[in-house]
Amino acid sequence: GIGAVGGVIAGFFGGWDAALITLLIFM
């Protein structure tokens, strides 16, 4: 369930890709 919710949220942001991960790490 946690994975599914995380997947939906990541989908809203265009996918869990290197760019989004980098932005979150930098933040």
PDB file of all heavy atoms in Angstrom:
ATOM      1  N   GLY A   1       0.818  -1.219   0.000  1.00  0.00           N
ATOM      2  CA  GLY A   1       0.000   0.000   0.000  1.00  0.00           C
ATOM      3  C   GLY A   1       0.844   1.258   0.000  1.00  0.00           C
ATOM      4  O   GLY A   1       0.555   2.207  -0.731  1.00  0.00           O
ATOM      5  N   ILE A   2       1.887   1.262   0.826  1.00  0.00           N
ATOM      6  CA  ILE A   2       2.795   2.417   0.870  1.00  0.00           C
ATOM      7  C   ILE A   2       3.465   2.604  -0.488  1.00  0.00           C
ATOM      8  O   ILE A   2       3.587   3.719  -1.003  1.00  0.00           O
ATOM      9  CB  ILE A   2       3.838   2.249   1.998  1.00  0.00           C
ATOM     10  CG1 ILE A   2       3.144   2.341   3.363  1.00  0.00           C
ATOM     11  CG2 ILE A   2       4.942   3.296   1.891  1.00  0.00           C
ATOM     12  CD1 ILE A   2       4.022   1.935   4.536  1.00  0.00           C
ATOM     13  N   GLY A   3       3.890   1.494  -1.091  1.00  0.00           N
ATOM     14  CA  GLY A   3       4.510   1.551  -2.418  1.00  0.00           C
ATOM     15  C   GLY A   3       3.554   2.084  -3.465  1.00  0.00           C
ATOM     16  O   GLY A   3       3.943   2.872  -4.331  1.00  0.00           O
ATOM     17  N   ALA A   4       2.296   1.661  -3.409  1.00  0.00           N
ATOM     18  CA  ALA A   4       1.300   2.114  -4.378  1.00  0.00           C
ATOM     19  C   ALA A   4       1.057   3.617  -4.241  1.00  0.00           C
ATOM     20  O   ALA A   4       0.988   4.337  -5.237  1.00  0.00           O
ATOM     21  CB  ALA A   4       0.001   1.339  -4.198  1.00  0.00           C
ATOM     22  N   VAL A   5       0.920   4.087  -3.001  1.00  0.00           N
ATOM     23  CA  VAL A   5       0.713   5.527  -2.770  1.00  0.00           C
ATOM     24  C   VAL A   5       1.926   6.313  -3.273  1.00  0.00           C
ATOM     25  O   VAL A   5       1.783   7.337  -3.950  1.00  0.00           O
ATOM     26  CB  VAL A   5       0.438   5.812  -1.268  1.00  0.00           C
ATOM     27  CG1 VAL A   5       0.490   7.302  -0.976  1.00  0.00           C
ATOM     28  CG2 VAL A   5      -0.903   5.234  -0.869  1.00  0.00           C
ATOM     29  N   GLY A   6       3.113   5.813  -2.965  1.00  0.00           N
ATOM     30  CA  GLY A   6       4.332   6.473  -3.446  1.00  0.00           C
ATOM     31  C   GLY A   6       4.402   6.509  -4.949  1.00  0.00           C
ATOM     32  O   GLY A   6       4.812   7.511  -5.546  1.00  0.00           O
ATOM     33  N   GLY A   7       3.983   5.424  -5.592  1.00  0.00           N
ATOM     34  CA  GLY A   7       3.978   5.374  -7.056  1.00  0.00           C
ATOM     35  C   GLY A   7       3.017   6.374  -7.663  1.00  0.00           C
ATOM     36  O   GLY A   7       3.322   7.018  -8.669  1.00  0.00           O
ATOM     37  N   VAL A   8       1.843   6.511  -7.058  1.00  0.00           N
ATOM     38  CA  VAL A   8       0.856   7.483  -7.548  1.00  0.00           C
ATOM     39  C   VAL A   8       1.396   8.902  -7.409  1.00  0.00           C
ATOM     40  O   VAL A   8       1.310   9.711  -8.339  1.00  0.00           O
ATOM     41  CB  VAL A   8      -0.491   7.324  -6.802  1.00  0.00           C
ATOM     42  CG1 VAL A   8      -1.424   8.486  -7.091  1.00  0.00           C
ATOM     43  CG2 VAL A   8      -1.149   6.005  -7.174  1.00  0.00           C
ATOM     44  N   ILE A   9       1.988   9.203  -6.262  1.00  0.00           N
ATOM     45  CA  ILE A   9       2.544  10.542  -6.048  1.00  0.00           C
ATOM     46  C   ILE A   9       3.662  10.814  -7.043  1.00  0.00           C
ATOM     47  O   ILE A   9       3.722  11.886  -7.658  1.00  0.00           O
ATOM     48  CB  ILE A   9       3.034  10.708  -4.587  1.00  0.00           C
ATOM     49  CG1 ILE A   9       1.830  10.710  -3.633  1.00  0.00           C
ATOM     50  CG2 ILE A   9       3.858  11.982  -4.429  1.00  0.00           C
ATOM     51  CD1 ILE A   9       2.197  10.620  -2.168  1.00  0.00           C
ATOM     52  N   ALA A  10       4.565   9.855  -7.227  1.00  0.00           N
ATOM     53  CA  ALA A  10       5.655  10.021  -8.193  1.00  0.00           C
ATOM     54  C   ALA A  10       5.093  10.217  -9.598  1.00  0.00           C
ATOM     55  O   ALA A  10       5.624  11.016 -10.384  1.00  0.00           O
ATOM     56  CB  ALA A  10       6.597   8.822  -8.148  1.00  0.00           C
ATOM     57  N   GLY A  11       4.028   9.514  -9.921  1.00  0.00           N
ATOM     58  CA  GLY A  11       3.397   9.672 -11.232  1.00  0.00           C
ATOM     59  C   GLY A  11       2.886  11.081 -11.465  1.00  0.00           C
ATOM     60  O   GLY A  11       2.991  11.617 -12.572  1.00  0.00           O
ATOM     61  N   PHE A  12       2.343  11.695 -10.426  1.00  0.00           N
ATOM     62  CA  PHE A  12       1.883  13.079 -10.539  1.00  0.00           C
ATOM     63  C   PHE A  12       3.029  14.026 -10.883  1.00  0.00           C
ATOM     64  O   PHE A  12       2.836  15.047 -11.518  1.00  0.00           O
ATOM     65  CB  PHE A  12       1.214  13.559  -9.248  1.00  0.00           C
ATOM     66  CG  PHE A  12      -0.167  13.020  -9.029  1.00  0.00           C
ATOM     67  CD1 PHE A  12      -0.576  12.623  -7.765  1.00  0.00           C
ATOM     68  CD2 PHE A  12      -1.077  12.910 -10.062  1.00  0.00           C
ATOM     69  CE1 PHE A  12      -1.847  12.133  -7.542  1.00  0.00           C
ATOM     70  CE2 PHE A  12      -2.357  12.411  -9.862  1.00  0.00           C
ATOM     71  CZ  PHE A  12      -2.742  12.019  -8.590  1.00  0.00           C
ATOM     72  N   PHE A  13       4.230  13.683 -10.437  1.00  0.00           N
ATOM     73  CA  PHE A  13       5.402  14.528 -10.668  1.00  0.00           C
ATOM     74  C   PHE A  13       6.186  14.113 -11.904  1.00  0.00           C
ATOM     75  O   PHE A  13       7.327  14.508 -12.089  1.00  0.00           O
ATOM     76  CB  PHE A  13       6.325  14.517  -9.442  1.00  0.00           C
ATOM     77  CG  PHE A  13       5.787  15.319  -8.302  1.00  0.00           C
ATOM     78  CD1 PHE A  13       5.063  14.720  -7.292  1.00  0.00           C
ATOM     79  CD2 PHE A  13       5.993  16.688  -8.238  1.00  0.00           C
ATOM     80  CE1 PHE A  13       4.553  15.462  -6.240  1.00  0.00           C
ATOM     81  CE2 PHE A  13       5.487  17.434  -7.200  1.00  0.00           C
ATOM     82  CZ  PHE A  13       4.761  16.825  -6.193  1.00  0.00           C
ATOM     83  N   GLY A  14       5.586  13.294 -12.754  1.00  0.00           N
ATOM     84  CA  GLY A  14       6.232  12.918 -13.997  1.00  0.00           C
ATOM     85  C   GLY A  14       7.137  11.708 -13.885  1.00  0.00           C
ATOM     86  O   GLY A  14       7.926  11.429 -14.780  1.00  0.00           O
ATOM     87  N   GLY A  15       7.045  10.992 -12.804  1.00  0.00           N
ATOM     88  CA  GLY A  15       7.848   9.787 -12.634  1.00  0.00           C
ATOM     89  C   GLY A  15       8.994   9.994 -11.670  1.00  0.00           C
ATOM     90  O   GLY A  15       9.434  11.111 -11.416  1.00  0.00           O
ATOM     91  N   TRP A  16       9.451   8.884 -11.135  1.00  0.00           N
ATOM     92  CA  TRP A  16      10.536   8.892 -10.151  1.00  0.00           C
ATOM     93  C   TRP A  16      11.837   8.738 -10.921  1.00  0.00           C
ATOM     94  O   TRP A  16      12.395   7.667 -11.008  1.00  0.00           O
ATOM     95  CB  TRP A  16      10.294   7.750  -9.172  1.00  0.00           C
ATOM     96  CG  TRP A  16      11.121   7.786  -7.944  1.00  0.00           C
ATOM     97  CD1 TRP A  16      12.092   6.892  -7.607  1.00  0.00           C
ATOM     98  CD2 TRP A  16      11.081   8.742  -6.891  1.00  0.00           C
ATOM     99  NE1 TRP A  16      12.642   7.241  -6.402  1.00  0.00           N
ATOM    100  CE2 TRP A  16      12.041   8.371  -5.943  1.00  0.00           C
ATOM    101  CE3 TRP A  16      10.327   9.888  -6.660  1.00  0.00           C
ATOM    102  CZ2 TRP A  16      12.266   9.088  -4.781  1.00  0.00           C
ATOM    103  CZ3 TRP A  16      10.552  10.599  -5.499  1.00  0.00           C
ATOM    104  CH2 TRP A  16      11.512  10.210  -4.579  1.00  0.00           C
ATOM    105  N   ASP A  17      12.316   9.833 -11.507  1.00  0.00           N
ATOM    106  CA  ASP A  17      13.514   9.781 -12.333  1.00  0.00           C
ATOM    107  C   ASP A  17      14.676  10.484 -11.646  1.00  0.00           C
ATOM    108  O   ASP A  17      14.542  11.014 -10.542  1.00  0.00           O
ATOM    109  CB  ASP A  17      13.246  10.390 -13.708  1.00  0.00           C
ATOM    110  CG  ASP A  17      12.857  11.858 -13.658  1.00  0.00           C
ATOM    111  OD1 ASP A  17      12.688  12.404 -12.548  1.00  0.00           O
ATOM    112  OD2 ASP A  17      12.710  12.463 -14.727  1.00  0.00           O
ATOM    113  N   ALA A  18      15.818  10.476 -12.305  1.00  0.00           N
ATOM    114  CA  ALA A  18      17.029  11.068 -11.726  1.00  0.00           C
ATOM    115  C   ALA A  18      16.850  12.554 -11.418  1.00  0.00           C
ATOM    116  O   ALA A  18      17.364  13.049 -10.412  1.00  0.00           O
ATOM    117  CB  ALA A  18      18.217  10.856 -12.665  1.00  0.00           C
ATOM    118  N   ALA A  19      16.129  13.265 -12.264  1.00  0.00           N
ATOM    119  CA  ALA A  19      15.940  14.702 -12.052  1.00  0.00           C
ATOM    120  C   ALA A  19      15.161  14.974 -10.768  1.00  0.00           C
ATOM    121  O   ALA A  19      15.554  15.825  -9.956  1.00  0.00           O
ATOM    122  CB  ALA A  19      15.234  15.326 -13.247  1.00  0.00           C
ATOM    123  N   LEU A  20      14.067  14.264 -10.558  1.00  0.00           N
ATOM    124  CA  LEU A  20      13.258  14.475  -9.358  1.00  0.00           C
ATOM    125  C   LEU A  20      14.015  14.044  -8.110  1.00  0.00           C
ATOM    126  O   LEU A  20      13.988  14.739  -7.086  1.00  0.00           O
ATOM    127  CB  LEU A  20      11.925  13.729  -9.468  1.00  0.00           C
ATOM    128  CG  LEU A  20      10.936  13.963  -8.338  1.00  0.00           C
ATOM    129  CD1 LEU A  20      10.561  15.441  -8.235  1.00  0.00           C
ATOM    130  CD2 LEU A  20       9.680  13.122  -8.548  1.00  0.00           C
ATOM    131  N   ILE A  21      14.701  12.913  -8.192  1.00  0.00           N
ATOM    132  CA  ILE A  21      15.498  12.449  -7.051  1.00  0.00           C
ATOM    133  C   ILE A  21      16.564  13.480  -6.706  1.00  0.00           C
ATOM    134  O   ILE A  21      16.768  13.810  -5.529  1.00  0.00           O
ATOM    135  CB  ILE A  21      16.135  11.076  -7.358  1.00  0.00           C
ATOM    136  CG1 ILE A  21      15.058   9.998  -7.455  1.00  0.00           C
ATOM    137  CG2 ILE A  21      17.165  10.698  -6.293  1.00  0.00           C
ATOM    138  CD1 ILE A  21      15.542   8.680  -8.031  1.00  0.00           C
ATOM    139  N   THR A  22      17.232  14.012  -7.732  1.00  0.00           N
ATOM    140  CA  THR A  22      18.275  15.020  -7.505  1.00  0.00           C
ATOM    141  C   THR A  22      17.696  16.261  -6.849  1.00  0.00           C
ATOM    142  O   THR A  22      18.268  16.787  -5.888  1.00  0.00           O
ATOM    143  CB  THR A  22      18.967  15.385  -8.830  1.00  0.00           C
ATOM    144  OG1 THR A  22      19.530  14.194  -9.394  1.00  0.00           O
ATOM    145  CG2 THR A  22      20.050  16.426  -8.620  1.00  0.00           C
ATOM    146  N   LEU A  23      16.560  16.728  -7.347  1.00  0.00           N
ATOM    147  CA  LEU A  23      15.934  17.906  -6.745  1.00  0.00           C
ATOM    148  C   LEU A  23      15.599  17.657  -5.277  1.00  0.00           C
ATOM    149  O   LEU A  23      15.892  18.498  -4.415  1.00  0.00           O
ATOM    150  CB  LEU A  23      14.675  18.310  -7.510  1.00  0.00           C
ATOM    151  CG  LEU A  23      13.902  19.497  -6.940  1.00  0.00           C
ATOM    152  CD1 LEU A  23      14.770  20.753  -6.896  1.00  0.00           C
ATOM    153  CD2 LEU A  23      12.628  19.741  -7.725  1.00  0.00           C
ATOM    154  N   LEU A  24      15.020  16.511  -4.970  1.00  0.00           N
ATOM    155  CA  LEU A  24      14.659  16.217  -3.577  1.00  0.00           C
ATOM    156  C   LEU A  24      15.890  16.115  -2.687  1.00  0.00           C
ATOM    157  O   LEU A  24      15.887  16.601  -1.549  1.00  0.00           O
ATOM    158  CB  LEU A  24      13.829  14.938  -3.510  1.00  0.00           C
ATOM    159  CG  LEU A  24      12.428  15.040  -4.126  1.00  0.00           C
ATOM    160  CD1 LEU A  24      11.769  13.664  -4.156  1.00  0.00           C
ATOM    161  CD2 LEU A  24      11.563  16.048  -3.392  1.00  0.00           C
ATOM    162  N   ILE A  25      16.957  15.507  -3.204  1.00  0.00           N
ATOM    163  CA  ILE A  25      18.198  15.433  -2.432  1.00  0.00           C
ATOM    164  C   ILE A  25      18.758  16.830  -2.194  1.00  0.00           C
ATOM    165  O   ILE A  25      19.140  17.177  -1.071  1.00  0.00           O
ATOM    166  CB  ILE A  25      19.233  14.525  -3.135  1.00  0.00           C
ATOM    167  CG1 ILE A  25      18.790  13.067  -3.044  1.00  0.00           C
ATOM    168  CG2 ILE A  25      20.629  14.705  -2.538  1.00  0.00           C
ATOM    169  CD1 ILE A  25      19.609  12.112  -3.902  1.00  0.00           C
ATOM    170  N   PHE A  26      18.799  17.654  -3.245  1.00  0.00           N
ATOM    171  CA  PHE A  26      19.310  19.020  -3.100  1.00  0.00           C
ATOM    172  C   PHE A  26      18.474  19.807  -2.104  1.00  0.00           C
ATOM    173  O   PHE A  26      19.007  20.577  -1.300  1.00  0.00           O
ATOM    174  CB  PHE A  26      19.330  19.740  -4.450  1.00  0.00           C
ATOM    175  CG  PHE A  26      20.469  19.362  -5.356  1.00  0.00           C
ATOM    176  CD1 PHE A  26      21.300  18.286  -5.088  1.00  0.00           C
ATOM    177  CD2 PHE A  26      20.704  20.087  -6.501  1.00  0.00           C
ATOM    178  CE1 PHE A  26      22.335  17.942  -5.929  1.00  0.00           C
ATOM    179  CE2 PHE A  26      21.751  19.767  -7.345  1.00  0.00           C
ATOM    180  CZ  PHE A  26      22.567  18.687  -7.073  1.00  0.00           C
ATOM    181  N   MET A  27      17.149  19.627  -2.140  1.00  0.00           N
ATOM    182  CA  MET A  27      16.277  20.331  -1.198  1.00  0.00           C
ATOM    183  C   MET A  27      16.584  19.904   0.236  1.00  0.00           C
ATOM    184  O   MET A  27      16.646  20.745   1.135  1.00  0.00           O
ATOM    185  CB  MET A  27      14.808  20.074  -1.532  1.00  0.00           C
ATOM    186  CG  MET A  27      14.354  20.704  -2.822  1.00  0.00           C
ATOM    187  SD  MET A  27      12.708  20.170  -3.308  1.00  0.00           S
ATOM    188  CE  MET A  27      11.733  21.435  -2.528  1.00  0.00           C
TER     189      MET A  27
END
